[in-house]
Amino acid sequence: MLKSSAALLSLCALLTLGAQPALAADAVQTVTVHPSIDRACQDALHVGPNDSLYAACVASLKDTLSATKKMHAERCQTACSEAGLTEGSPAFDRCVANLNGALAQAQLSSN
C-alpha cells in the first residue's frame, strides 16, 4: 500500500496537464480523464472507471491540481512583486509566466 500511495503522490506532481472537461452524450454524462490521472487512480487504488472510488480519486486529483496551480500562481506573483515589478505591468506578467513555466518544468524533470 505504501508503494501505491507513493506512486499516486508522485503522479500528482506530474498533473500539470489536468483533466479534460466533461462531455455530454445522449443525456449520459461521460467524463474524459487525462491518462495520467486515469493511470494514477487505476494503478494506485486498483479501481476502474465504474467504481465509486475511481470517481472520488479523479475528483481528489483534480482538486489537488487546482490547489497546486493556485499556490504556484500566488508564489510567482509574490516573487515578482518582491523583485520590484509592478503588478499588472507587462514585465510583471512575463515574470509570473516565466516562473510558472519554470515550476512546471522542474516538477516534470524531478519525476
Protein backbone atom coordinates (compact mmCIF):
# COMPACT_ATOMS: atom_id res chain seq x y z
CA MET A 1 0.00 0.00 0.00
CA LEU A 2 2.85 2.42 0.77
CA LYS A 3 4.36 1.93 -2.65
CA SER A 4 0.96 2.58 -4.27
CA SER A 5 0.49 5.73 -2.20
CA ALA A 6 3.93 6.97 -3.16
CA ALA A 7 3.17 6.33 -6.82
CA LEU A 8 -0.07 8.27 -6.52
CA LEU A 9 1.67 11.19 -4.84
CA SER A 10 4.43 11.32 -7.43
CA LEU A 11 1.87 11.27 -10.22
CA CYS A 12 0.03 14.14 -8.52
CA ALA A 13 3.14 16.23 -9.04
CA LEU A 14 3.05 15.43 -12.75
CA LEU A 15 -0.53 16.57 -13.18
CA THR A 16 0.19 19.96 -14.62
CA LEU A 17 -1.89 19.00 -17.65
CA GLY A 18 -5.11 18.45 -15.70
CA ALA A 19 -8.19 16.59 -16.80
CA GLN A 20 -10.30 17.13 -19.85
CA PRO A 21 -13.74 18.71 -19.43
CA ALA A 22 -16.80 16.53 -19.08
CA LEU A 23 -18.65 15.74 -22.30
CA ALA A 24 -22.39 15.06 -22.60
CA ALA A 25 -23.57 12.23 -24.86
CA ASP A 26 -27.25 11.31 -25.15
CA ALA A 27 -28.08 12.72 -21.69
CA VAL A 28 -25.50 10.41 -20.09
CA GLN A 29 -22.50 12.31 -18.82
CA THR A 30 -19.19 10.82 -19.86
CA VAL A 31 -16.04 12.15 -18.28
CA THR A 32 -12.80 12.07 -20.23
CA VAL A 33 -9.89 11.88 -17.83
CA HIS A 34 -6.29 12.74 -18.67
CA PRO A 35 -4.30 9.50 -18.97
CA SER A 36 -2.03 10.40 -16.02
CA ILE A 37 -5.00 10.79 -13.70
CA ASP A 38 -6.60 7.61 -15.01
CA ARG A 39 -3.37 5.63 -14.58
CA ALA A 40 -2.78 7.01 -11.09
CA CYS A 41 -6.23 6.04 -9.89
CA GLN A 42 -6.26 2.64 -11.54
CA ASP A 43 -2.70 1.64 -10.64
CA ALA A 44 -2.54 3.01 -7.11
CA LEU A 45 -6.05 2.13 -5.96
CA HIS A 46 -6.76 -0.79 -8.30
CA VAL A 47 -10.15 0.66 -9.28
CA GLY A 48 -11.76 1.23 -12.66
CA PRO A 49 -13.98 3.95 -14.14
CA ASN A 50 -17.16 2.16 -12.99
CA ASP A 51 -16.09 2.19 -9.34
CA SER A 52 -17.16 4.96 -6.95
CA LEU A 53 -13.61 5.04 -5.52
CA TYR A 54 -12.34 5.87 -9.01
CA ALA A 55 -14.66 8.87 -9.21
CA ALA A 56 -13.50 10.01 -5.78
CA CYS A 57 -9.86 9.57 -6.80
CA VAL A 58 -10.33 11.59 -10.01
CA ALA A 59 -12.15 14.35 -8.11
CA SER A 60 -9.42 14.43 -5.48
CA LEU A 61 -6.63 14.68 -8.05
CA LYS A 62 -8.49 17.45 -9.90
CA ASP A 63 -8.88 19.36 -6.62
CA THR A 64 -5.21 18.84 -5.81
CA LEU A 65 -4.21 20.04 -9.25
CA SER A 66 -6.37 23.14 -8.94
CA ALA A 67 -4.97 23.97 -5.49
CA THR A 68 -1.40 23.39 -6.69
CA LYS A 69 -1.86 25.67 -9.69
CA LYS A 70 -3.35 28.38 -7.46
CA MET A 71 -0.49 28.06 -4.96
CA HIS A 72 2.11 28.26 -7.75
CA ALA A 73 0.44 31.36 -9.21
CA GLU A 74 0.39 33.06 -5.81
CA ARG A 75 4.04 32.24 -5.14
CA CYS A 76 5.06 33.50 -8.58
CA GLN A 77 3.16 36.76 -8.08
CA THR A 78 4.73 37.25 -4.66
CA ALA A 79 8.23 36.60 -6.01
CA CYS A 80 7.74 39.03 -8.90
CA SER A 81 6.37 41.69 -6.54
CA GLU A 82 9.32 41.21 -4.19
CA ALA A 83 11.63 41.67 -7.17
CA GLY A 84 10.18 45.17 -7.51
CA LEU A 85 7.92 44.64 -10.52
CA THR A 86 4.57 46.42 -10.61
CA GLU A 87 1.56 44.12 -10.64
CA GLY A 88 -0.30 44.36 -13.94
CA SER A 89 2.70 45.59 -15.90
CA PRO A 90 3.95 43.62 -18.92
CA ALA A 91 7.21 42.87 -17.08
CA PHE A 92 5.28 41.54 -14.07
CA ASP A 93 3.09 39.35 -16.29
CA ARG A 94 6.17 37.95 -18.09
CA CYS A 95 7.85 37.29 -14.75
CA VAL A 96 4.83 35.36 -13.45
CA ALA A 97 4.51 33.36 -16.68
CA ASN A 98 8.23 32.52 -16.71
CA LEU A 99 8.21 31.39 -13.08
CA ASN A 100 5.09 29.28 -13.61
CA GLY A 101 6.77 27.63 -16.59
CA ALA A 102 9.94 27.03 -14.61
CA LEU A 103 7.99 25.43 -11.75
CA ALA A 104 6.11 23.15 -14.14
CA GLN A 105 9.37 22.14 -15.86
CA ALA A 106 11.07 21.46 -12.52
CA GLN A 107 8.20 19.17 -11.50
CA LEU A 108 8.36 17.24 -14.75
CA SER A 109 12.14 16.92 -14.55
CA SER A 110 12.15 15.63 -10.97
CA ASN A 111 9.77 12.80 -11.79
